[in-house]
Amino acid sequence: MQPTLLILAAGMASRYGSMKQIQSFGPSGETIMDYSIYDAIRAGFGKVVFIIRKDFADDFKAIFEPKLKGKIAIEYVYQEMDAFLPDVQIPADRTKPWGTAHALLCAKNVIKEPFAVINADDFYGKNSFEKAVDFLKNQCNEKSYAIIGYELAKTLSDHGTVSRGVCKVDATGKLVSIKERTKIYKAGDKIVFEENGVQEEVPFDSSVSMNFWCFPPSMFATTENLFHDFVRKNYTDIKAEFFIPLLGDNFVQNQGGTIQVIPTSAQWFGVTYKEDAPIVKASVEKLVSDGEYPLSLWA
């Protein structure tokens, strides 16, 4: 059975100021997602599921349907505020979506095979998809998940803070814990994160999750239960978000599972801020000129 690729593309792009998921970066108008899907197809993924917002579904489909038709199976899922909610009313003043783990949960009814999850606006590289397929086909099960791990120092932006799932890894490459740090940046010759006004240092070579996870479909049931608990506990906090690292931490700490942190040689780059865009564009153009990708992905 071929694994599925789940792409989180419902983000509001608040910091970036436009719908960055469908911005062109490649020489023939390709988006970052195009490169991820291209790499996924050649690595052996059989289906792509897009999690998007209903209000830009038509524009989104108009861009991706023509070029992907006949190349890979496609499904769409909408992240709606009331999806999979327990028996509670949405707080009237909540406008923020419930977070990445809730977005993932919204795909529960369309994914029945081992699958990988990625962000729409991150460039992960060919090697990452190859390693993900190998794990999903040969090692993934209800007690064994994986993260593609990147070196923290290579995932920062020069234009502001970033959010990263910082991993603590044991000598065998297994995840000990993962914590979502939402304000990471370079401060002189150090990398730090801020939490509740306190600054703490993070080692340069820390392994971080860029939200490239490998899961079996059995994880959806646990995720739904955790989401219900999360909503009940954080009901009054209109900014609380249910992040995927919370699932990973719970899996290791409470369910006796293991998460392999798989290092990749692939170069990551992404667009967190508008100022990052020219760097990403130049990086893609270099990969094309080096022969890593064709001039036109879907020609």
C-alpha atoms as a PDB file:
ATOM      1  CA  MET A   1       0.000   0.000   0.000  1.00  0.00           C
ATOM      2  CA  GLN A   2       1.377   3.412  -0.974  1.00  0.00           C
ATOM      3  CA  PRO A   3       1.491   5.985   1.836  1.00  0.00           C
ATOM      4  CA  THR A   4      -0.426   9.261   1.747  1.00  0.00           C
ATOM      5  CA  LEU A   5       0.904  12.823   2.042  1.00  0.00           C
ATOM      6  CA  LEU A   6      -1.172  15.208   4.169  1.00  0.00           C
ATOM      7  CA  ILE A   7      -0.420  18.897   3.529  1.00  0.00           C
ATOM      8  CA  LEU A   8      -1.405  21.512   6.126  1.00  0.00           C
ATOM      9  CA  ALA A   9      -2.452  24.462   3.970  1.00  0.00           C
ATOM     10  CA  ALA A  10      -5.227  26.022   6.057  1.00  0.00           C
ATOM     11  CA  GLY A  11      -2.974  28.529   7.848  1.00  0.00           C
ATOM     12  CA  MET A  12      -4.147  32.105   7.982  1.00  0.00           C
ATOM     13  CA  ALA A  13      -0.699  33.416   6.967  1.00  0.00           C
ATOM     14  CA  SER A  14      -1.132  36.261   9.447  1.00  0.00           C
ATOM     15  CA  ARG A  15       2.577  37.076   9.784  1.00  0.00           C
ATOM     16  CA  TYR A  16       3.240  36.779   6.073  1.00  0.00           C
ATOM     17  CA  GLY A  17       0.403  39.042   4.981  1.00  0.00           C
ATOM     18  CA  SER A  18      -0.777  37.089   1.936  1.00  0.00           C
ATOM     19  CA  MET A  19      -1.774  33.578   0.895  1.00  0.00           C
ATOM     20  CA  LYS A  20       1.813  32.336   0.755  1.00  0.00           C
ATOM     21  CA  GLN A  21       0.749  28.744   0.111  1.00  0.00           C
ATOM     22  CA  ILE A  22      -0.068  29.605  -3.506  1.00  0.00           C
ATOM     23  CA  GLN A  23       2.742  32.097  -4.213  1.00  0.00           C
ATOM     24  CA  SER A  24       5.096  31.226  -7.066  1.00  0.00           C
ATOM     25  CA  PHE A  25       8.737  30.476  -6.270  1.00  0.00           C
ATOM     26  CA  GLY A  26       9.862  28.209  -9.128  1.00  0.00           C
ATOM     27  CA  PRO A  27      10.972  29.300 -12.632  1.00  0.00           C
ATOM     28  CA  SER A  28       7.716  28.059 -14.183  1.00  0.00           C
ATOM     29  CA  GLY A  29       5.432  29.446 -11.475  1.00  0.00           C
ATOM     30  CA  GLU A  30       5.750  26.525  -9.054  1.00  0.00           C
ATOM     31  CA  THR A  31       4.732  26.936  -5.412  1.00  0.00           C
ATOM     32  CA  ILE A  32       6.721  25.412  -2.552  1.00  0.00           C
ATOM     33  CA  MET A  33       3.958  22.791  -2.354  1.00  0.00           C
ATOM     34  CA  ASP A  34       4.592  21.796  -5.967  1.00  0.00           C
ATOM     35  CA  TYR A  35       8.145  20.790  -5.066  1.00  0.00           C
ATOM     36  CA  SER A  36       6.932  18.811  -2.036  1.00  0.00           C
ATOM     37  CA  ILE A  37       4.352  16.966  -4.127  1.00  0.00           C
ATOM     38  CA  TYR A  38       6.878  16.329  -6.914  1.00  0.00           C
ATOM     39  CA  ASP A  39       9.343  14.883  -4.383  1.00  0.00           C
ATOM     40  CA  ALA A  40       6.542  12.849  -2.756  1.00  0.00           C
ATOM     41  CA  ILE A  41       5.463  11.303  -6.074  1.00  0.00           C
ATOM     42  CA  ARG A  42       8.978  10.264  -7.036  1.00  0.00           C
ATOM     43  CA  ALA A  43       9.573   8.883  -3.519  1.00  0.00           C
ATOM     44  CA  GLY A  44       6.480   6.653  -3.751  1.00  0.00           C
ATOM     45  CA  PHE A  45       3.493   8.429  -2.167  1.00  0.00           C
ATOM     46  CA  GLY A  46       0.187   7.466  -3.776  1.00  0.00           C
ATOM     47  CA  LYS A  47      -2.216  10.174  -2.612  1.00  0.00           C
ATOM     48  CA  VAL A  48      -2.096  13.785  -1.468  1.00  0.00           C
ATOM     49  CA  VAL A  49      -4.672  15.232   0.949  1.00  0.00           C
ATOM     50  CA  PHE A  50      -4.858  19.012   1.205  1.00  0.00           C
ATOM     51  CA  ILE A  51      -6.201  20.605   4.385  1.00  0.00           C
ATOM     52  CA  ILE A  52      -7.438  24.014   3.296  1.00  0.00           C
ATOM     53  CA  ARG A  53      -9.922  26.701   4.264  1.00  0.00           C
ATOM     54  CA  LYS A  54     -13.260  26.510   2.527  1.00  0.00           C
ATOM     55  CA  ASP A  55     -13.149  30.198   1.590  1.00  0.00           C
ATOM     56  CA  PHE A  56     -10.182  29.745  -0.758  1.00  0.00           C
ATOM     57  CA  ALA A  57     -11.005  26.230  -1.975  1.00  0.00           C
ATOM     58  CA  ASP A  58     -12.003  27.318  -5.506  1.00  0.00           C
ATOM     59  CA  ASP A  59      -8.808  29.322  -6.076  1.00  0.00           C
ATOM     60  CA  PHE A  60      -6.725  26.524  -4.610  1.00  0.00           C
ATOM     61  CA  LYS A  61      -8.285  23.798  -6.754  1.00  0.00           C
ATOM     62  CA  ALA A  62      -7.946  25.919  -9.894  1.00  0.00           C
ATOM     63  CA  ILE A  63      -4.192  26.039  -9.332  1.00  0.00           C
ATOM     64  CA  PHE A  64      -3.522  22.407  -8.372  1.00  0.00           C
ATOM     65  CA  GLU A  65      -6.130  20.293 -10.177  1.00  0.00           C
ATOM     66  CA  PRO A  66      -4.870  20.845 -13.757  1.00  0.00           C
ATOM     67  CA  LYS A  67      -1.213  20.107 -13.043  1.00  0.00           C
ATOM     68  CA  LEU A  68      -1.715  17.107 -10.724  1.00  0.00           C
ATOM     69  CA  LYS A  69      -4.456  15.343 -12.659  1.00  0.00           C
ATOM     70  CA  GLY A  70      -3.371  11.813 -13.550  1.00  0.00           C
ATOM     71  CA  LYS A  71      -0.154  12.092 -11.514  1.00  0.00           C
ATOM     72  CA  ILE A  72      -1.411  11.405  -7.985  1.00  0.00           C
ATOM     73  CA  ALA A  73      -4.783  10.864  -6.256  1.00  0.00           C
ATOM     74  CA  ILE A  74      -6.104  14.052  -4.589  1.00  0.00           C
ATOM     75  CA  GLU A  75      -8.489  14.696  -1.691  1.00  0.00           C
ATOM     76  CA  TYR A  76      -9.511  17.925   0.059  1.00  0.00           C
ATOM     77  CA  VAL A  77     -10.403  18.442   3.696  1.00  0.00           C
ATOM     78  CA  TYR A  78     -11.599  21.668   5.326  1.00  0.00           C
ATOM     79  CA  GLN A  79     -10.471  22.778   8.770  1.00  0.00           C
ATOM     80  CA  GLU A  80     -13.653  24.146  10.279  1.00  0.00           C
ATOM     81  CA  MET A  81     -13.806  25.601  13.788  1.00  0.00           C
ATOM     82  CA  ASP A  82     -16.528  23.161  14.888  1.00  0.00           C
ATOM     83  CA  ALA A  83     -15.003  19.994  13.382  1.00  0.00           C
ATOM     84  CA  PHE A  84     -14.618  17.144  15.908  1.00  0.00           C
ATOM     85  CA  LEU A  85     -15.526  19.433  18.811  1.00  0.00           C
ATOM     86  CA  PRO A  86     -16.777  17.802  22.001  1.00  0.00           C
ATOM     87  CA  ASP A  87     -20.221  18.817  23.229  1.00  0.00           C
ATOM     88  CA  VAL A  88     -19.390  22.510  23.793  1.00  0.00           C
ATOM     89  CA  GLN A  89     -20.165  25.780  22.068  1.00  0.00           C
ATOM     90  CA  ILE A  90     -17.321  27.634  20.332  1.00  0.00           C
ATOM     91  CA  PRO A  91     -16.403  30.703  22.413  1.00  0.00           C
ATOM     92  CA  ALA A  92     -17.991  33.699  20.710  1.00  0.00           C
ATOM     93  CA  ASP A  93     -14.749  35.696  20.633  1.00  0.00           C
ATOM     94  CA  ARG A  94     -12.550  32.872  19.309  1.00  0.00           C
ATOM     95  CA  THR A  95     -11.346  33.509  15.745  1.00  0.00           C
ATOM     96  CA  LYS A  96      -8.068  31.544  15.837  1.00  0.00           C
ATOM     97  CA  PRO A  97      -8.184  27.966  14.450  1.00  0.00           C
ATOM     98  CA  TRP A  98      -7.575  25.172  16.961  1.00  0.00           C
ATOM     99  CA  GLY A  99      -4.052  24.413  15.646  1.00  0.00           C
ATOM    100  CA  THR A 100      -2.065  21.928  13.574  1.00  0.00           C
ATOM    101  CA  ALA A 101      -3.123  18.771  15.451  1.00  0.00           C
ATOM    102  CA  HIS A 102      -6.775  19.741  14.960  1.00  0.00           C
ATOM    103  CA  ALA A 103      -6.090  20.307  11.251  1.00  0.00           C
ATOM    104  CA  LEU A 104      -4.613  16.812  11.090  1.00  0.00           C
ATOM    105  CA  LEU A 105      -7.677  15.371  12.879  1.00  0.00           C
ATOM    106  CA  CYS A 106      -9.922  16.895  10.193  1.00  0.00           C
ATOM    107  CA  ALA A 107      -8.448  14.328   7.735  1.00  0.00           C
ATOM    108  CA  LYS A 108      -9.543  11.360   9.866  1.00  0.00           C
ATOM    109  CA  ASN A 109     -12.270  10.218   7.458  1.00  0.00           C
ATOM    110  CA  VAL A 110     -10.167  10.256   4.272  1.00  0.00           C
ATOM    111  CA  ILE A 111      -6.896   8.626   5.415  1.00  0.00           C
ATOM    112  CA  LYS A 112      -6.854   4.868   6.037  1.00  0.00           C
ATOM    113  CA  GLU A 113      -3.164   4.145   5.309  1.00  0.00           C
ATOM    114  CA  PRO A 114       0.191   5.172   6.855  1.00  0.00           C
ATOM    115  CA  PHE A 115       0.762   8.853   6.118  1.00  0.00           C
ATOM    116  CA  ALA A 116       3.165  11.764   6.421  1.00  0.00           C
ATOM    117  CA  VAL A 117       2.204  15.289   7.466  1.00  0.00           C
ATOM    118  CA  ILE A 118       3.970  18.419   6.187  1.00  0.00           C
ATOM    119  CA  ASN A 119       3.460  22.185   6.148  1.00  0.00           C
ATOM    120  CA  ALA A 120       2.463  23.840   2.879  1.00  0.00           C
ATOM    121  CA  ASP A 121       5.058  26.613   3.133  1.00  0.00           C
ATOM    122  CA  ASP A 122       8.192  24.612   3.983  1.00  0.00           C
ATOM    123  CA  PHE A 123      10.644  23.185   1.440  1.00  0.00           C
ATOM    124  CA  TYR A 124      11.758  19.796   2.798  1.00  0.00           C
ATOM    125  CA  GLY A 125      13.945  18.312   0.050  1.00  0.00           C
ATOM    126  CA  LYS A 126      13.965  15.020  -1.854  1.00  0.00           C
ATOM    127  CA  ASN A 127      15.920  13.034   0.770  1.00  0.00           C
ATOM    128  CA  SER A 128      13.280  13.728   3.435  1.00  0.00           C
ATOM    129  CA  PHE A 129      10.472  12.224   1.359  1.00  0.00           C
ATOM    130  CA  GLU A 130      12.564   9.165   0.513  1.00  0.00           C
ATOM    131  CA  LYS A 131      13.280   8.554   4.196  1.00  0.00           C
ATOM    132  CA  ALA A 132       9.624   9.099   5.094  1.00  0.00           C
ATOM    133  CA  VAL A 133       8.410   6.531   2.537  1.00  0.00           C
ATOM    134  CA  ASP A 134      10.953   3.986   3.765  1.00  0.00           C
ATOM    135  CA  PHE A 135       9.737   4.403   7.356  1.00  0.00           C
ATOM    136  CA  LEU A 136       6.021   4.408   6.448  1.00  0.00           C
ATOM    137  CA  LYS A 137       6.329   1.212   4.410  1.00  0.00           C
ATOM    138  CA  ASN A 138       8.663  -0.729   6.712  1.00  0.00           C
ATOM    139  CA  GLN A 139       8.492   0.471  10.307  1.00  0.00           C
ATOM    140  CA  CYS A 140       5.369   2.539  10.946  1.00  0.00           C
ATOM    141  CA  ASN A 141       2.777   0.973  13.266  1.00  0.00           C
ATOM    142  CA  GLU A 142       0.528   1.865  16.202  1.00  0.00           C
ATOM    143  CA  LYS A 143       3.534   1.873  18.557  1.00  0.00           C
ATOM    144  CA  SER A 144       6.073   3.465  16.202  1.00  0.00           C
ATOM    145  CA  TYR A 145       5.919   6.993  14.735  1.00  0.00           C
ATOM    146  CA  ALA A 146       8.677   9.163  13.219  1.00  0.00           C
ATOM    147  CA  ILE A 147       9.766  12.760  12.703  1.00  0.00           C
ATOM    148  CA  ILE A 148      12.114  13.961   9.993  1.00  0.00           C
ATOM    149  CA  GLY A 149      14.605  15.948  12.084  1.00  0.00           C
ATOM    150  CA  TYR A 150      16.367  19.142  10.995  1.00  0.00           C
ATOM    151  CA  GLU A 151      19.215  21.041  12.646  1.00  0.00           C
ATOM    152  CA  LEU A 152      17.813  24.089  14.471  1.00  0.00           C
ATOM    153  CA  ALA A 153      20.505  26.513  13.283  1.00  0.00           C
ATOM    154  CA  LYS A 154      19.524  25.814   9.656  1.00  0.00           C
ATOM    155  CA  THR A 155      15.828  26.591  10.179  1.00  0.00           C
ATOM    156  CA  LEU A 156      15.836  30.176  11.466  1.00  0.00           C
ATOM    157  CA  SER A 157      14.675  33.364   9.753  1.00  0.00           C
ATOM    158  CA  ASP A 158      16.715  36.574   9.656  1.00  0.00           C
ATOM    159  CA  HIS A 159      13.477  38.545   9.740  1.00  0.00           C
ATOM    160  CA  GLY A 160      11.799  37.567  13.011  1.00  0.00           C
ATOM    161  CA  THR A 161      11.043  34.804  15.462  1.00  0.00           C
ATOM    162  CA  VAL A 162      10.033  31.272  14.419  1.00  0.00           C
ATOM    163  CA  SER A 163       8.087  28.426  16.053  1.00  0.00           C
ATOM    164  CA  ARG A 164       9.782  25.033  16.261  1.00  0.00           C
ATOM    165  CA  GLY A 165       9.152  21.722  17.968  1.00  0.00           C
ATOM    166  CA  VAL A 166      12.484  21.296  19.811  1.00  0.00           C
ATOM    167  CA  CYS A 167      13.340  17.604  20.242  1.00  0.00           C
ATOM    168  CA  LYS A 168      15.240  15.886  23.018  1.00  0.00           C
ATOM    169  CA  VAL A 169      16.707  12.709  21.464  1.00  0.00           C
ATOM    170  CA  ASP A 170      18.357   9.679  23.116  1.00  0.00           C
ATOM    171  CA  ALA A 171      21.501   7.858  21.949  1.00  0.00           C
ATOM    172  CA  THR A 172      19.484   5.518  19.707  1.00  0.00           C
ATOM    173  CA  GLY A 173      17.761   8.355  17.831  1.00  0.00           C
ATOM    174  CA  LYS A 174      14.442   7.991  19.691  1.00  0.00           C
ATOM    175  CA  LEU A 175      12.487  11.020  20.849  1.00  0.00           C
ATOM    176  CA  VAL A 176      12.541  11.615  24.606  1.00  0.00           C
ATOM    177  CA  SER A 177      10.377  14.743  24.530  1.00  0.00           C
ATOM    178  CA  ILE A 178       9.288  17.515  22.183  1.00  0.00           C
ATOM    179  CA  LYS A 179       8.298  21.030  23.179  1.00  0.00           C
ATOM    180  CA  GLU A 180       6.735  23.636  20.915  1.00  0.00           C
ATOM    181  CA  ARG A 181       8.747  26.856  21.258  1.00  0.00           C
ATOM    182  CA  THR A 182       6.926  29.753  19.634  1.00  0.00           C
ATOM    183  CA  LYS A 183       9.551  32.539  19.807  1.00  0.00           C
ATOM    184  CA  ILE A 184      12.962  31.275  18.697  1.00  0.00           C
ATOM    185  CA  TYR A 185      15.600  33.620  17.288  1.00  0.00           C
ATOM    186  CA  LYS A 186      19.325  34.309  17.052  1.00  0.00           C
ATOM    187  CA  ALA A 187      20.699  36.607  19.757  1.00  0.00           C
ATOM    188  CA  GLY A 188      24.346  37.372  18.997  1.00  0.00           C
ATOM    189  CA  ASP A 189      26.208  34.057  18.896  1.00  0.00           C
ATOM    190  CA  LYS A 190      23.388  32.169  20.628  1.00  0.00           C
ATOM    191  CA  ILE A 191      19.966  30.809  19.739  1.00  0.00           C
ATOM    192  CA  VAL A 192      17.295  31.536  22.336  1.00  0.00           C
ATOM    193  CA  PHE A 193      13.580  31.180  22.876  1.00  0.00           C
ATOM    194  CA  GLU A 194      11.270  33.364  24.951  1.00  0.00           C
ATOM    195  CA  GLU A 195       8.483  32.126  27.162  1.00  0.00           C
ATOM    196  CA  ASN A 196       6.493  34.268  29.603  1.00  0.00           C
ATOM    197  CA  GLY A 197       9.105  37.018  29.248  1.00  0.00           C
ATOM    198  CA  VAL A 198      12.006  34.701  30.150  1.00  0.00           C
ATOM    199  CA  GLN A 199      14.839  34.024  27.664  1.00  0.00           C
ATOM    200  CA  GLU A 200      16.469  30.569  27.506  1.00  0.00           C
ATOM    201  CA  GLU A 201      19.293  29.286  25.302  1.00  0.00           C
ATOM    202  CA  VAL A 202      18.832  26.404  22.837  1.00  0.00           C
ATOM    203  CA  PRO A 203      21.875  24.506  21.409  1.00  0.00           C
ATOM    204  CA  PHE A 204      22.632  25.243  17.733  1.00  0.00           C
ATOM    205  CA  ASP A 205      22.595  21.547  16.823  1.00  0.00           C
ATOM    206  CA  SER A 206      19.253  20.803  18.511  1.00  0.00           C
ATOM    207  CA  SER A 207      17.092  18.545  16.376  1.00  0.00           C
ATOM    208  CA  VAL A 208      13.803  20.239  15.543  1.00  0.00           C
ATOM    209  CA  SER A 209      10.561  19.147  14.001  1.00  0.00           C
ATOM    210  CA  MET A 210       9.505  21.130  10.955  1.00  0.00           C
ATOM    211  CA  ASN A 211       6.128  19.378  11.155  1.00  0.00           C
ATOM    212  CA  PHE A 212       7.227  16.488   8.927  1.00  0.00           C
ATOM    213  CA  TRP A 213       5.690  13.553  10.818  1.00  0.00           C
ATOM    214  CA  CYS A 214       5.024   9.920   9.916  1.00  0.00           C
ATOM    215  CA  PHE A 215       1.943   8.281  11.442  1.00  0.00           C
ATOM    216  CA  PRO A 216      -0.225   5.178  11.168  1.00  0.00           C
ATOM    217  CA  PRO A 217      -3.986   5.790  10.715  1.00  0.00           C
ATOM    218  CA  SER A 218      -4.597   4.369  14.216  1.00  0.00           C
ATOM    219  CA  MET A 219      -3.396   7.684  15.677  1.00  0.00           C
ATOM    220  CA  PHE A 220      -6.629   9.465  14.731  1.00  0.00           C
ATOM    221  CA  ALA A 221      -8.681   7.885  17.533  1.00  0.00           C
ATOM    222  CA  THR A 222      -6.195   8.971  20.207  1.00  0.00           C
ATOM    223  CA  THR A 223      -5.939  12.437  18.657  1.00  0.00           C
ATOM    224  CA  GLU A 224      -9.693  12.922  18.821  1.00  0.00           C
ATOM    225  CA  ASN A 225      -9.746  12.014  22.534  1.00  0.00           C
ATOM    226  CA  LEU A 226      -6.830  14.345  23.253  1.00  0.00           C
ATOM    227  CA  PHE A 227      -8.500  17.165  21.334  1.00  0.00           C
ATOM    228  CA  HIS A 228     -11.673  16.820  23.384  1.00  0.00           C
ATOM    229  CA  ASP A 229      -9.614  16.999  26.597  1.00  0.00           C
ATOM    230  CA  PHE A 230      -7.682  19.986  25.236  1.00  0.00           C
ATOM    231  CA  VAL A 231     -10.830  21.945  24.345  1.00  0.00           C
ATOM    232  CA  ARG A 232     -12.403  21.343  27.745  1.00  0.00           C
ATOM    233  CA  LYS A 233      -9.244  22.406  29.586  1.00  0.00           C
ATOM    234  CA  ASN A 234      -8.525  25.455  27.391  1.00  0.00           C
ATOM    235  CA  TYR A 235     -12.071  26.528  26.632  1.00  0.00           C
ATOM    236  CA  THR A 236     -11.685  30.068  27.990  1.00  0.00           C
ATOM    237  CA  ASP A 237      -8.267  30.664  26.374  1.00  0.00           C
ATOM    238  CA  ILE A 238      -9.219  31.945  22.912  1.00  0.00           C
ATOM    239  CA  LYS A 239      -5.592  31.744  21.685  1.00  0.00           C
ATOM    240  CA  ALA A 240      -4.826  28.189  22.884  1.00  0.00           C
ATOM    241  CA  GLU A 241      -3.697  25.885  20.054  1.00  0.00           C
ATOM    242  CA  PHE A 242      -3.634  22.099  19.825  1.00  0.00           C
ATOM    243  CA  PHE A 243      -0.194  21.474  18.254  1.00  0.00           C
ATOM    244  CA  ILE A 244       1.081  18.216  16.716  1.00  0.00           C
ATOM    245  CA  PRO A 245       4.046  18.092  19.163  1.00  0.00           C
ATOM    246  CA  LEU A 246       1.465  17.635  21.947  1.00  0.00           C
ATOM    247  CA  LEU A 247       0.459  14.369  20.244  1.00  0.00           C
ATOM    248  CA  GLY A 248       4.070  13.227  20.030  1.00  0.00           C
ATOM    249  CA  ASP A 249       4.795  14.035  23.646  1.00  0.00           C
ATOM    250  CA  ASN A 250       1.670  12.224  24.823  1.00  0.00           C
ATOM    251  CA  PHE A 251       2.509   9.182  22.645  1.00  0.00           C
ATOM    252  CA  VAL A 252       5.954   8.835  24.236  1.00  0.00           C
ATOM    253  CA  GLN A 253       5.098   9.821  27.815  1.00  0.00           C
ATOM    254  CA  ASN A 254       1.698   8.139  28.251  1.00  0.00           C
ATOM    255  CA  GLN A 255       1.207   5.475  25.574  1.00  0.00           C
ATOM    256  CA  GLY A 256       4.532   3.634  25.623  1.00  0.00           C
ATOM    257  CA  GLY A 257       5.200   4.488  21.991  1.00  0.00           C
ATOM    258  CA  THR A 258       8.483   5.348  20.304  1.00  0.00           C
ATOM    259  CA  ILE A 259       9.142   8.142  17.841  1.00  0.00           C
ATOM    260  CA  GLN A 260      12.214   7.798  15.644  1.00  0.00           C
ATOM    261  CA  VAL A 261      13.878  11.139  14.858  1.00  0.00           C
ATOM    262  CA  ILE A 262      15.205  10.524  11.342  1.00  0.00           C
ATOM    263  CA  PRO A 263      18.003  12.915  10.361  1.00  0.00           C
ATOM    264  CA  THR A 264      17.969  14.190   6.799  1.00  0.00           C
ATOM    265  CA  SER A 265      20.698  15.528   4.544  1.00  0.00           C
ATOM    266  CA  ALA A 266      18.102  17.644   2.731  1.00  0.00           C
ATOM    267  CA  GLN A 267      18.295  21.426   2.940  1.00  0.00           C
ATOM    268  CA  TRP A 268      15.217  22.961   4.568  1.00  0.00           C
ATOM    269  CA  PHE A 269      14.039  26.461   3.771  1.00  0.00           C
ATOM    270  CA  GLY A 270      10.745  28.209   4.284  1.00  0.00           C
ATOM    271  CA  VAL A 271       8.770  31.412   4.170  1.00  0.00           C
ATOM    272  CA  THR A 272       7.772  32.700   7.576  1.00  0.00           C
ATOM    273  CA  TYR A 273       7.987  36.386   6.663  1.00  0.00           C
ATOM    274  CA  LYS A 274       7.594  38.266   3.396  1.00  0.00           C
ATOM    275  CA  GLU A 275      11.306  39.135   3.513  1.00  0.00           C
ATOM    276  CA  ASP A 276      12.186  35.427   3.353  1.00  0.00           C
ATOM    277  CA  ALA A 277      10.647  35.079  -0.122  1.00  0.00           C
ATOM    278  CA  PRO A 278      13.620  36.263  -2.260  1.00  0.00           C
ATOM    279  CA  ILE A 279      15.958  33.857  -0.409  1.00  0.00           C
ATOM    280  CA  VAL A 280      13.609  30.940  -1.029  1.00  0.00           C
ATOM    281  CA  LYS A 281      13.232  31.902  -4.692  1.00  0.00           C
ATOM    282  CA  ALA A 282      17.017  32.035  -5.135  1.00  0.00           C
ATOM    283  CA  SER A 283      17.433  28.687  -3.341  1.00  0.00           C
ATOM    284  CA  VAL A 284      14.897  27.006  -5.626  1.00  0.00           C
ATOM    285  CA  GLU A 285      16.519  28.498  -8.729  1.00  0.00           C
ATOM    286  CA  LYS A 286      19.909  27.111  -7.638  1.00  0.00           C
ATOM    287  CA  LEU A 287      18.452  23.603  -7.179  1.00  0.00           C
ATOM    288  CA  VAL A 288      16.978  23.830 -10.686  1.00  0.00           C
ATOM    289  CA  SER A 289      20.251  25.054 -12.196  1.00  0.00           C
ATOM    290  CA  ASP A 290      22.087  22.221 -10.377  1.00  0.00           C
ATOM    291  CA  GLY A 291      19.777  19.700 -12.059  1.00  0.00           C
ATOM    292  CA  GLU A 292      17.916  18.634  -8.893  1.00  0.00           C
ATOM    293  CA  TYR A 293      14.597  19.651 -10.471  1.00  0.00           C
ATOM    294  CA  PRO A 294      13.455  20.247 -14.059  1.00  0.00           C
ATOM    295  CA  LEU A 295      12.846  23.789 -15.325  1.00  0.00           C
ATOM    296  CA  SER A 296       9.117  23.006 -15.353  1.00  0.00           C
ATOM    297  CA  LEU A 297       7.950  20.407 -12.817  1.00  0.00           C
ATOM    298  CA  TRP A 298       4.720  19.380 -14.529  1.00  0.00           C
ATOM    299  CA  ALA A 299       5.495  19.932 -18.209  1.00  0.00           C
END
